[in-house]
């Protein structure tokens, strides 16, 4: 597995999951790799062996940042380094409507790094509204952009629905699925923001997509909240459901930091070489 560090912070990121991911895929040969809910991309950046990679997300600002890192890293770095880490500068950059794609990408990375908890949140008008994070001792290692640039060469990036590349999927491809969680961990509550971003109906659409992946002879790995409704939707006879425990890293209203559990669903079985 690669040790490339993601270039952004991302709520719900899967850095904590990398050891489990590596163990899960250790006995399979991956043809092409798909990640429809890209986010911070920690799983993709950890992966070393694949033929082609298709990375998508519905967040246009996020995908633009990836594209500019892939295609225009030096120009992006120059713009990004012109921004100062101060409360006044933060709110000025936050409210500025940049026109060039490079400037928009620099703005996105800057706000991600200096905002509160690295959250991405917009208001009803689609404007980013996360407050300043007061990370006075914050520094950013530009090498993260340069290493990401090398990793992203030849990778297809697109802002779209998670099913966009559905008909490209073939036998022995791997699809990693990490959707926004519709339900909260370890209780019966629904997440008010995410149920609009990714509804319960979208979870059922995702289950249909998984059925398609399985029928094509491809592999899938799904991470999701440990919740009875999620188990009901995604538990498939013959596939694995694993309960994983991790630390809660993101705080918020009515949240409690501590140990939480998540589910991993996959049609990759332990200790079995699927190409034999």
Protein backbone atom coordinates (compact mmCIF):
# COMPACT_ATOMS: atom_id res chain seq x y z
CA UNK A 1 0.00 0.00 0.00
CA UNK A 2 1.15 3.53 -0.76
CA UNK A 3 1.79 6.08 1.99
CA UNK A 4 0.64 9.13 -0.01
CA UNK A 5 -1.08 11.61 2.29
CA UNK A 6 -4.39 13.15 1.06
CA UNK A 7 -4.05 16.84 0.22
CA UNK A 8 -7.22 17.83 2.13
CA UNK A 9 -8.95 17.09 5.39
CA UNK A 10 -12.34 15.46 4.98
CA UNK A 11 -15.10 14.73 7.48
CA UNK A 12 -15.80 11.00 7.25
CA UNK A 13 -12.41 10.33 5.68
CA UNK A 14 -11.17 6.75 5.64
CA UNK A 15 -7.53 7.00 6.77
CA UNK A 16 -8.49 4.93 9.81
CA UNK A 17 -9.82 2.21 7.44
CA UNK A 18 -6.67 1.70 5.37
CA UNK A 19 -5.31 -1.27 7.33
CA UNK A 20 -8.63 -3.09 7.02
CA UNK A 21 -8.84 -2.19 3.33
CA UNK A 22 -5.35 -3.56 2.65
CA UNK A 23 -6.17 -6.81 4.42
CA UNK A 24 -9.46 -7.16 2.54
CA UNK A 25 -7.91 -6.86 -0.94
CA UNK A 26 -4.69 -8.77 -0.18
CA UNK A 27 -5.76 -11.94 -2.04
CA UNK A 28 -7.30 -10.42 -5.17
CA UNK A 29 -5.89 -8.97 -8.38
CA UNK A 30 -7.60 -5.69 -9.19
CA UNK A 31 -8.19 -4.78 -12.82
CA UNK A 32 -9.75 -1.28 -12.77
CA UNK A 33 -10.58 0.81 -9.70
CA UNK A 34 -13.71 2.93 -9.15
CA UNK A 35 -14.42 5.31 -6.28
CA UNK A 36 -17.76 7.12 -6.75
CA UNK A 37 -17.72 9.00 -3.40
CA UNK A 38 -14.20 10.37 -3.58
CA UNK A 39 -13.97 12.83 -0.69
CA UNK A 40 -10.42 13.02 0.65
CA UNK A 41 -9.37 10.03 -1.46
CA UNK A 42 -7.31 8.29 1.24
CA UNK A 43 -8.25 4.82 -0.03
CA UNK A 44 -7.34 5.68 -3.62
CA UNK A 45 -4.03 7.25 -2.57
CA UNK A 46 -3.19 4.07 -0.63
CA UNK A 47 -3.77 1.79 -3.62
CA UNK A 48 -0.81 0.76 -5.76
CA UNK A 49 -1.93 -1.87 -8.25
CA UNK A 50 -4.66 -1.20 -10.85
CA UNK A 51 -4.93 -0.65 -14.60
CA UNK A 52 -7.21 2.40 -14.75
CA UNK A 53 -8.87 4.51 -12.03
CA UNK A 54 -12.22 6.30 -12.27
CA UNK A 55 -12.86 8.81 -9.46
CA UNK A 56 -16.11 10.73 -9.10
CA UNK A 57 -18.07 12.82 -6.62
CA UNK A 58 -21.11 15.11 -6.78
CA UNK A 59 -19.13 17.94 -5.15
CA UNK A 60 -18.01 20.09 -8.09
CA UNK A 61 -15.56 22.16 -5.99
CA UNK A 62 -13.88 18.99 -4.77
CA UNK A 63 -13.54 17.46 -8.23
CA UNK A 64 -12.20 20.73 -9.65
CA UNK A 65 -9.49 20.74 -6.97
CA UNK A 66 -8.45 17.21 -8.00
CA UNK A 67 -8.43 18.19 -11.68
CA UNK A 68 -6.28 21.28 -11.08
CA UNK A 69 -3.84 19.26 -8.97
CA UNK A 70 -3.60 16.71 -11.78
CA UNK A 71 -3.28 19.25 -14.61
CA UNK A 72 -1.97 22.56 -13.17
CA UNK A 73 -0.12 21.91 -9.88
CA UNK A 74 2.45 24.72 -10.06
CA UNK A 75 -0.09 27.44 -10.89
CA UNK A 76 -2.34 26.12 -8.12
CA UNK A 77 0.50 26.17 -5.58
CA UNK A 78 1.44 29.77 -6.44
CA UNK A 79 -2.13 30.95 -5.91
CA UNK A 80 -2.61 28.90 -2.75
CA UNK A 81 0.60 30.25 -1.21
CA UNK A 82 -0.60 33.83 -1.74
CA UNK A 83 -3.31 33.35 0.88
CA UNK A 84 -2.47 34.11 4.52
CA UNK A 85 -3.77 32.21 7.53
CA UNK A 86 -5.71 34.87 9.44
CA UNK A 87 -9.31 35.33 10.42
CA UNK A 88 -9.66 38.46 8.29
CA UNK A 89 -8.09 36.79 5.24
CA UNK A 90 -10.20 33.66 5.76
CA UNK A 91 -13.53 35.49 5.56
CA UNK A 92 -12.31 37.60 2.65
CA UNK A 93 -11.32 34.47 0.69
CA UNK A 94 -14.52 32.72 1.70
CA UNK A 95 -16.76 35.43 0.25
CA UNK A 96 -14.71 36.05 -2.91
CA UNK A 97 -16.24 34.66 -6.11
CA UNK A 98 -13.27 33.55 -8.15
CA UNK A 99 -13.73 32.95 -11.87
CA UNK A 100 -10.75 30.79 -12.89
CA UNK A 101 -10.76 27.09 -12.08
CA UNK A 102 -7.24 27.31 -10.61
CA UNK A 103 -8.27 30.14 -8.25
CA UNK A 104 -11.38 28.19 -7.22
CA UNK A 105 -9.25 25.13 -6.43
CA UNK A 106 -6.78 27.21 -4.37
CA UNK A 107 -9.71 28.73 -2.50
CA UNK A 108 -11.19 25.29 -1.84
CA UNK A 109 -7.95 23.86 -0.42
CA UNK A 110 -7.26 27.00 1.63
CA UNK A 111 -10.73 26.99 3.21
CA UNK A 112 -10.51 23.26 3.84
CA UNK A 113 -7.21 23.66 5.67
CA UNK A 114 -8.07 26.74 7.74
CA UNK A 115 -11.76 26.16 8.49
CA UNK A 116 -13.31 24.59 11.57
CA UNK A 117 -12.64 20.82 11.57
CA UNK A 118 -12.12 20.69 7.80
CA UNK A 119 -15.86 20.53 7.23
CA UNK A 120 -17.53 21.16 3.89
CA UNK A 121 -20.92 22.78 4.33
CA UNK A 122 -22.95 25.18 2.21
CA UNK A 123 -26.09 27.20 2.92
CA UNK A 124 -29.34 27.10 0.97
CA UNK A 125 -27.81 29.40 -1.64
CA UNK A 126 -24.91 27.03 -2.18
CA UNK A 127 -22.37 29.28 -0.45
CA UNK A 128 -19.67 27.78 1.75
CA UNK A 129 -20.40 28.83 5.35
CA UNK A 130 -18.00 27.01 7.68
CA UNK A 131 -16.39 29.39 10.24
CA UNK A 132 -12.69 30.07 10.67
CA UNK A 133 -10.84 27.34 12.54
CA UNK A 134 -8.24 29.43 14.44
CA UNK A 135 -5.40 27.06 13.49
CA UNK A 136 -2.73 29.67 14.25
CA UNK A 137 0.15 27.19 14.04
CA UNK A 138 -1.12 25.69 10.81
CA UNK A 139 1.37 24.91 8.07
CA UNK A 140 0.75 23.14 4.80
CA UNK A 141 3.22 20.78 3.15
CA UNK A 142 3.15 21.60 -0.57
CA UNK A 143 4.62 18.14 -1.29
CA UNK A 144 1.14 16.76 -0.67
CA UNK A 145 -0.05 18.50 -3.83
CA UNK A 146 2.97 17.39 -5.85
CA UNK A 147 2.71 13.73 -4.81
CA UNK A 148 -1.04 13.80 -5.48
CA UNK A 149 -0.27 15.24 -8.92
CA UNK A 150 1.92 12.23 -9.74
CA UNK A 151 -0.66 9.76 -8.45
CA UNK A 152 -3.47 11.38 -10.46
CA UNK A 153 -1.77 11.18 -13.85
CA UNK A 154 -3.98 9.20 -16.24
CA UNK A 155 -6.86 9.08 -13.74
CA UNK A 156 -10.36 9.95 -14.93
CA UNK A 157 -12.11 12.54 -12.74
CA UNK A 158 -15.70 13.66 -13.08
CA UNK A 159 -18.40 15.45 -11.08
CA UNK A 160 -21.42 13.17 -11.37
CA UNK A 161 -23.77 10.67 -9.75
CA UNK A 162 -22.24 7.50 -8.33
CA UNK A 163 -23.64 5.38 -11.17
CA UNK A 164 -21.96 7.40 -13.95
CA UNK A 165 -19.33 4.79 -14.88
CA UNK A 166 -21.63 1.83 -14.23
CA UNK A 167 -21.39 0.36 -17.72
CA UNK A 168 -17.58 0.36 -17.72
CA UNK A 169 -17.41 -2.05 -14.78
CA UNK A 170 -16.13 -5.51 -15.70
CA UNK A 171 -15.03 -8.71 -14.02
CA UNK A 172 -12.29 -8.30 -11.38
CA UNK A 173 -12.74 -4.52 -11.17
CA UNK A 174 -12.98 -3.07 -7.66
CA UNK A 175 -15.57 -0.49 -6.61
CA UNK A 176 -15.02 1.20 -3.25
CA UNK A 177 -18.17 2.85 -1.90
CA UNK A 178 -18.15 5.33 0.99
CA UNK A 179 -21.42 7.28 0.71
CA UNK A 180 -22.50 10.14 2.97
CA UNK A 181 -24.14 8.47 5.94
CA UNK A 182 -27.92 8.88 5.98
CA UNK A 183 -28.27 7.61 9.54
CA UNK A 184 -26.08 8.39 12.54
CA UNK A 185 -23.85 5.85 14.20
CA UNK A 186 -25.15 3.53 16.91
CA UNK A 187 -28.61 5.03 17.30
CA UNK A 188 -31.86 5.45 15.41
CA UNK A 189 -31.44 9.09 14.39
CA UNK A 190 -31.28 10.44 10.86
CA UNK A 191 -28.66 13.06 9.97
CA UNK A 192 -30.57 16.19 9.04
CA UNK A 193 -27.97 17.53 6.61
CA UNK A 194 -26.95 14.27 4.97
CA UNK A 195 -30.47 13.01 4.45
CA UNK A 196 -30.79 15.83 1.91
CA UNK A 197 -27.34 15.21 0.43
CA UNK A 198 -27.77 11.43 0.28
CA UNK A 199 -31.27 10.26 1.13
CA UNK A 200 -32.55 6.92 2.33
CA UNK A 201 -33.84 6.39 -1.22
CA UNK A 202 -30.26 6.93 -2.41
CA UNK A 203 -29.17 4.13 -0.09
CA UNK A 204 -31.62 1.83 -1.87
CA UNK A 205 -30.27 3.04 -5.24
CA UNK A 206 -26.81 2.16 -3.95
CA UNK A 207 -27.96 -1.35 -3.05
CA UNK A 208 -29.23 -1.78 -6.63
CA UNK A 209 -25.82 -0.60 -7.88
CA UNK A 210 -24.10 -3.19 -5.69
CA UNK A 211 -26.30 -5.92 -7.15
CA UNK A 212 -25.15 -4.79 -10.61
CA UNK A 213 -21.48 -4.87 -9.55
CA UNK A 214 -21.85 -8.40 -8.20
CA UNK A 215 -23.60 -9.60 -11.34
CA UNK A 216 -20.70 -8.30 -13.45
CA UNK A 217 -18.24 -10.45 -11.49
CA UNK A 218 -16.59 -7.35 -9.99
CA UNK A 219 -15.69 -6.70 -6.36
CA UNK A 220 -17.23 -4.11 -4.08
CA UNK A 221 -16.36 -2.78 -0.65
CA UNK A 222 -18.96 -0.62 1.09
CA UNK A 223 -18.48 1.32 4.32
CA UNK A 224 -21.54 2.67 6.09
CA UNK A 225 -22.96 3.49 9.51
CA UNK A 226 -23.57 0.63 11.95
CA UNK A 227 -27.34 0.89 12.05
CA UNK A 228 -30.17 -1.67 11.77
CA UNK A 229 -31.61 0.04 8.68
CA UNK A 230 -28.23 -0.11 6.91
CA UNK A 231 -27.89 -3.80 7.79
CA UNK A 232 -31.39 -4.42 6.44
CA UNK A 233 -30.57 -2.73 3.12
CA UNK A 234 -27.06 -4.02 2.45
CA UNK A 235 -26.68 -7.42 4.11
CA UNK A 236 -26.47 -10.00 1.32
CA UNK A 237 -26.42 -13.76 1.82
CA UNK A 238 -22.96 -15.08 0.99
CA UNK A 239 -21.24 -11.70 1.33
CA UNK A 240 -19.35 -10.46 4.40
CA UNK A 241 -20.58 -7.89 6.89
CA UNK A 242 -17.85 -6.76 9.30
CA UNK A 243 -18.36 -4.46 12.27
CA UNK A 244 -15.44 -2.08 12.74
CA UNK A 245 -14.64 0.20 15.66
CA UNK A 246 -12.91 3.57 15.34
CA UNK A 247 -12.42 6.84 17.18
CA UNK A 248 -14.84 9.68 16.52
CA UNK A 249 -12.76 12.46 14.98
CA UNK A 250 -15.32 15.12 14.13
CA UNK A 251 -17.31 16.97 16.75
CA UNK A 252 -20.49 18.94 16.28
CA UNK A 253 -23.85 19.77 17.75
CA UNK A 254 -25.02 17.00 20.10
CA UNK A 255 -22.01 14.86 19.16
CA UNK A 256 -19.79 12.98 21.58
CA UNK A 257 -16.24 12.08 20.76
CA UNK A 258 -15.38 8.49 21.58
CA UNK A 259 -15.56 5.02 20.06
CA UNK A 260 -18.07 4.42 17.30
CA UNK A 261 -18.72 1.46 15.03
CA UNK A 262 -19.20 1.22 11.28
CA UNK A 263 -20.09 -1.60 8.92
CA UNK A 264 -18.05 -2.92 6.02
CA UNK A 265 -19.88 -4.99 3.41
CA UNK A 266 -18.00 -6.84 0.66
CA UNK A 267 -18.12 -9.83 -1.68
CA UNK A 268 -14.38 -10.40 -1.09
CA UNK A 269 -13.91 -13.33 1.26
CA UNK A 270 -11.07 -13.86 3.70
CA UNK A 271 -8.13 -15.98 2.59
CA UNK A 272 -9.55 -16.78 -0.84
CA UNK A 273 -7.79 -16.05 -4.12
CA UNK A 274 -10.71 -15.31 -6.44
CA UNK A 275 -8.66 -15.87 -9.58
CA UNK A 276 -7.96 -19.52 -8.81
